[in-house]
């Protein structure tokens, strides 16, 4: 039984909810028995920290990072996107965590919706599939 934690940033709630639905459907349809829990964090910047804290608890096998950052008029977008991605990469490489990356970084809401909606690109599903694949690799390589 895989214990999966979805860490969702609901800054754009309608987008993050669709991402989570896609992730949950993919986990349920995967054939892998999964126990799924979701926590909410204020924004994409906080996702890596929440996953790090959860990993310290040893309660979860894998993680799915969800959220959306839409470019605005300032450089804030660049910092949030870069630092959240860097934080998640650190957790995968240095801490060997199985993380599916589903934080959308887009120019506008239309791009976000196209990537989030389950009838379109369904990036929530992609993040869930990535998490499960990383769990398989970790089982193969880490003893």
C-alpha atoms as a PDB file:
ATOM      1  CA  UNK A   1       0.000   0.000   0.000  1.00  0.00           C
ATOM      2  CA  UNK A   2       1.466   3.330  -1.080  1.00  0.00           C
ATOM      3  CA  UNK A   3       0.867   6.231   1.280  1.00  0.00           C
ATOM      4  CA  UNK A   4       0.679   9.330  -0.907  1.00  0.00           C
ATOM      5  CA  UNK A   5       0.519  12.920   0.275  1.00  0.00           C
ATOM      6  CA  UNK A   6      -0.846  15.522  -2.108  1.00  0.00           C
ATOM      7  CA  UNK A   7       0.453  18.978  -1.229  1.00  0.00           C
ATOM      8  CA  UNK A   8      -1.827  21.462  -2.929  1.00  0.00           C
ATOM      9  CA  UNK A   9      -1.518  25.218  -3.187  1.00  0.00           C
ATOM     10  CA  UNK A  10      -5.039  26.610  -3.710  1.00  0.00           C
ATOM     11  CA  UNK A  11      -4.016  30.164  -4.625  1.00  0.00           C
ATOM     12  CA  UNK A  12      -6.042  29.632  -7.814  1.00  0.00           C
ATOM     13  CA  UNK A  13      -8.565  27.263  -6.270  1.00  0.00           C
ATOM     14  CA  UNK A  14     -10.451  26.300  -9.448  1.00  0.00           C
ATOM     15  CA  UNK A  15      -7.178  25.269 -11.074  1.00  0.00           C
ATOM     16  CA  UNK A  16      -5.688  23.445  -8.092  1.00  0.00           C
ATOM     17  CA  UNK A  17      -8.951  21.576  -7.479  1.00  0.00           C
ATOM     18  CA  UNK A  18      -8.921  20.300 -11.061  1.00  0.00           C
ATOM     19  CA  UNK A  19      -5.275  19.262 -10.725  1.00  0.00           C
ATOM     20  CA  UNK A  20      -6.105  17.327  -7.573  1.00  0.00           C
ATOM     21  CA  UNK A  21      -9.063  15.591  -9.171  1.00  0.00           C
ATOM     22  CA  UNK A  22      -6.802  14.474 -12.019  1.00  0.00           C
ATOM     23  CA  UNK A  23      -4.164  13.216  -9.595  1.00  0.00           C
ATOM     24  CA  UNK A  24      -6.650  11.327  -7.426  1.00  0.00           C
ATOM     25  CA  UNK A  25      -8.308   9.707 -10.459  1.00  0.00           C
ATOM     26  CA  UNK A  26      -4.934   8.591 -11.792  1.00  0.00           C
ATOM     27  CA  UNK A  27      -3.953   7.065  -8.448  1.00  0.00           C
ATOM     28  CA  UNK A  28      -7.287   5.265  -8.167  1.00  0.00           C
ATOM     29  CA  UNK A  29      -7.055   3.954 -11.737  1.00  0.00           C
ATOM     30  CA  UNK A  30      -3.397   2.905 -11.443  1.00  0.00           C
ATOM     31  CA  UNK A  31      -4.110  -0.494  -9.950  1.00  0.00           C
ATOM     32  CA  UNK A  32      -1.657   0.331  -7.157  1.00  0.00           C
ATOM     33  CA  UNK A  33      -3.304   0.338  -3.734  1.00  0.00           C
ATOM     34  CA  UNK A  34      -2.921   3.870  -2.378  1.00  0.00           C
ATOM     35  CA  UNK A  35      -3.870   5.672   0.777  1.00  0.00           C
ATOM     36  CA  UNK A  36      -4.191   9.341  -0.226  1.00  0.00           C
ATOM     37  CA  UNK A  37      -4.145  12.408   1.978  1.00  0.00           C
ATOM     38  CA  UNK A  38      -4.213  16.070   0.948  1.00  0.00           C
ATOM     39  CA  UNK A  39      -2.888  19.107   2.754  1.00  0.00           C
ATOM     40  CA  UNK A  40      -3.203  22.701   1.621  1.00  0.00           C
ATOM     41  CA  UNK A  41      -0.411  25.275   1.778  1.00  0.00           C
ATOM     42  CA  UNK A  42      -0.659  29.039   1.132  1.00  0.00           C
ATOM     43  CA  UNK A  43       1.268  29.081  -2.155  1.00  0.00           C
ATOM     44  CA  UNK A  44       3.642  27.224  -4.452  1.00  0.00           C
ATOM     45  CA  UNK A  45       6.622  28.604  -2.545  1.00  0.00           C
ATOM     46  CA  UNK A  46       5.527  26.662   0.553  1.00  0.00           C
ATOM     47  CA  UNK A  47       5.088  23.283  -1.177  1.00  0.00           C
ATOM     48  CA  UNK A  48       8.711  22.059  -0.781  1.00  0.00           C
ATOM     49  CA  UNK A  49       8.785  22.987   2.904  1.00  0.00           C
ATOM     50  CA  UNK A  50       5.559  21.119   3.573  1.00  0.00           C
ATOM     51  CA  UNK A  51       6.869  18.034   1.781  1.00  0.00           C
ATOM     52  CA  UNK A  52      10.125  18.210   3.751  1.00  0.00           C
ATOM     53  CA  UNK A  53       8.190  18.383   7.042  1.00  0.00           C
ATOM     54  CA  UNK A  54       5.948  15.512   6.002  1.00  0.00           C
ATOM     55  CA  UNK A  55       8.963  13.436   4.950  1.00  0.00           C
ATOM     56  CA  UNK A  56      10.459  13.896   8.404  1.00  0.00           C
ATOM     57  CA  UNK A  57       7.358  12.210   9.821  1.00  0.00           C
ATOM     58  CA  UNK A  58       8.027   9.048   7.749  1.00  0.00           C
ATOM     59  CA  UNK A  59       4.264   8.694   7.262  1.00  0.00           C
ATOM     60  CA  UNK A  60       4.316   8.833   3.457  1.00  0.00           C
ATOM     61  CA  UNK A  61       5.946   6.947   0.614  1.00  0.00           C
ATOM     62  CA  UNK A  62       5.420   9.521  -2.113  1.00  0.00           C
ATOM     63  CA  UNK A  63       4.326  13.076  -2.710  1.00  0.00           C
ATOM     64  CA  UNK A  64       2.439  15.016  -5.350  1.00  0.00           C
ATOM     65  CA  UNK A  65       3.134  18.752  -5.568  1.00  0.00           C
ATOM     66  CA  UNK A  66       0.237  20.732  -7.055  1.00  0.00           C
ATOM     67  CA  UNK A  67      -0.412  24.392  -7.663  1.00  0.00           C
ATOM     68  CA  UNK A  68      -0.337  27.156 -10.204  1.00  0.00           C
ATOM     69  CA  UNK A  69       1.761  30.276 -10.655  1.00  0.00           C
ATOM     70  CA  UNK A  70       0.585  32.774 -13.266  1.00  0.00           C
ATOM     71  CA  UNK A  71       3.000  35.440 -14.463  1.00  0.00           C
ATOM     72  CA  UNK A  72       2.189  38.900 -13.204  1.00  0.00           C
ATOM     73  CA  UNK A  73       3.714  42.309 -13.661  1.00  0.00           C
ATOM     74  CA  UNK A  74       6.679  41.818 -11.317  1.00  0.00           C
ATOM     75  CA  UNK A  75       9.594  39.424 -10.921  1.00  0.00           C
ATOM     76  CA  UNK A  76       7.790  37.675  -8.048  1.00  0.00           C
ATOM     77  CA  UNK A  77       6.707  35.004 -10.554  1.00  0.00           C
ATOM     78  CA  UNK A  78      10.328  34.143 -11.379  1.00  0.00           C
ATOM     79  CA  UNK A  79      11.313  33.739  -7.740  1.00  0.00           C
ATOM     80  CA  UNK A  80       8.301  31.629  -6.800  1.00  0.00           C
ATOM     81  CA  UNK A  81       8.668  29.345  -9.828  1.00  0.00           C
ATOM     82  CA  UNK A  82      12.422  28.966  -9.542  1.00  0.00           C
ATOM     83  CA  UNK A  83      12.640  28.481  -5.806  1.00  0.00           C
ATOM     84  CA  UNK A  84       9.738  26.054  -5.545  1.00  0.00           C
ATOM     85  CA  UNK A  85      11.165  23.963  -8.394  1.00  0.00           C
ATOM     86  CA  UNK A  86      14.641  24.111  -6.854  1.00  0.00           C
ATOM     87  CA  UNK A  87      13.270  23.059  -3.470  1.00  0.00           C
ATOM     88  CA  UNK A  88      11.454  20.086  -4.947  1.00  0.00           C
ATOM     89  CA  UNK A  89      14.503  19.062  -6.984  1.00  0.00           C
ATOM     90  CA  UNK A  90      16.611  19.129  -3.822  1.00  0.00           C
ATOM     91  CA  UNK A  91      14.117  16.834  -2.098  1.00  0.00           C
ATOM     92  CA  UNK A  92      14.211  14.356  -4.983  1.00  0.00           C
ATOM     93  CA  UNK A  93      17.976  14.309  -5.431  1.00  0.00           C
ATOM     94  CA  UNK A  94      19.327  14.792  -1.928  1.00  0.00           C
ATOM     95  CA  UNK A  95      16.576  13.190   0.135  1.00  0.00           C
ATOM     96  CA  UNK A  96      15.544  10.605  -2.470  1.00  0.00           C
ATOM     97  CA  UNK A  97      11.851  11.450  -2.184  1.00  0.00           C
ATOM     98  CA  UNK A  98       9.405  10.261  -4.820  1.00  0.00           C
ATOM     99  CA  UNK A  99       7.699  13.468  -5.952  1.00  0.00           C
ATOM    100  CA  UNK A 100       5.356  14.079  -8.844  1.00  0.00           C
ATOM    101  CA  UNK A 101       5.700  17.691  -9.995  1.00  0.00           C
ATOM    102  CA  UNK A 102       2.368  19.298 -10.835  1.00  0.00           C
ATOM    103  CA  UNK A 103       2.953  22.993 -10.221  1.00  0.00           C
ATOM    104  CA  UNK A 104       1.869  24.836 -13.333  1.00  0.00           C
ATOM    105  CA  UNK A 105       3.969  27.848 -14.328  1.00  0.00           C
ATOM    106  CA  UNK A 106       2.093  29.726 -17.015  1.00  0.00           C
ATOM    107  CA  UNK A 107       1.587  33.095 -18.646  1.00  0.00           C
ATOM    108  CA  UNK A 108      -2.178  33.317 -18.167  1.00  0.00           C
ATOM    109  CA  UNK A 109      -5.277  31.586 -16.849  1.00  0.00           C
ATOM    110  CA  UNK A 110      -6.185  30.075 -20.234  1.00  0.00           C
ATOM    111  CA  UNK A 111      -2.856  28.219 -20.319  1.00  0.00           C
ATOM    112  CA  UNK A 112      -3.397  27.043 -16.744  1.00  0.00           C
ATOM    113  CA  UNK A 113      -6.866  25.719 -17.473  1.00  0.00           C
ATOM    114  CA  UNK A 114      -5.674  23.896 -20.592  1.00  0.00           C
ATOM    115  CA  UNK A 115      -3.029  22.124 -18.506  1.00  0.00           C
ATOM    116  CA  UNK A 116      -5.177  21.449 -15.453  1.00  0.00           C
ATOM    117  CA  UNK A 117      -8.432  20.242 -16.985  1.00  0.00           C
ATOM    118  CA  UNK A 118      -8.848  16.489 -17.034  1.00  0.00           C
ATOM    119  CA  UNK A 119     -10.334  16.631 -20.532  1.00  0.00           C
ATOM    120  CA  UNK A 120      -7.243  18.414 -21.839  1.00  0.00           C
ATOM    121  CA  UNK A 121      -3.597  18.024 -20.735  1.00  0.00           C
ATOM    122  CA  UNK A 122      -4.441  16.711 -17.231  1.00  0.00           C
ATOM    123  CA  UNK A 123      -1.164  17.618 -15.519  1.00  0.00           C
ATOM    124  CA  UNK A 124      -2.557  16.408 -12.181  1.00  0.00           C
ATOM    125  CA  UNK A 125      -2.656  12.929 -13.673  1.00  0.00           C
ATOM    126  CA  UNK A 126       0.884  13.323 -15.023  1.00  0.00           C
ATOM    127  CA  UNK A 127       2.144  14.281 -11.551  1.00  0.00           C
ATOM    128  CA  UNK A 128       0.480  11.237  -9.980  1.00  0.00           C
ATOM    129  CA  UNK A 129       1.921   8.896 -12.609  1.00  0.00           C
ATOM    130  CA  UNK A 130       5.384  10.419 -12.083  1.00  0.00           C
ATOM    131  CA  UNK A 131       5.112   9.868  -8.329  1.00  0.00           C
ATOM    132  CA  UNK A 132       4.208   6.202  -8.799  1.00  0.00           C
ATOM    133  CA  UNK A 133       7.022   5.687 -11.303  1.00  0.00           C
ATOM    134  CA  UNK A 134       9.538   7.259  -8.906  1.00  0.00           C
ATOM    135  CA  UNK A 135       8.295   4.939  -6.154  1.00  0.00           C
ATOM    136  CA  UNK A 136       9.061   1.988  -8.433  1.00  0.00           C
ATOM    137  CA  UNK A 137      12.545   3.306  -9.144  1.00  0.00           C
ATOM    138  CA  UNK A 138      13.267   3.940  -5.488  1.00  0.00           C
ATOM    139  CA  UNK A 139      12.205   0.399  -4.652  1.00  0.00           C
ATOM    140  CA  UNK A 140      14.556  -0.902  -7.329  1.00  0.00           C
ATOM    141  CA  UNK A 141      17.611   1.172  -6.378  1.00  0.00           C
ATOM    142  CA  UNK A 142      17.332   2.147  -2.707  1.00  0.00           C
ATOM    143  CA  UNK A 143      17.626  -0.545  -0.093  1.00  0.00           C
END
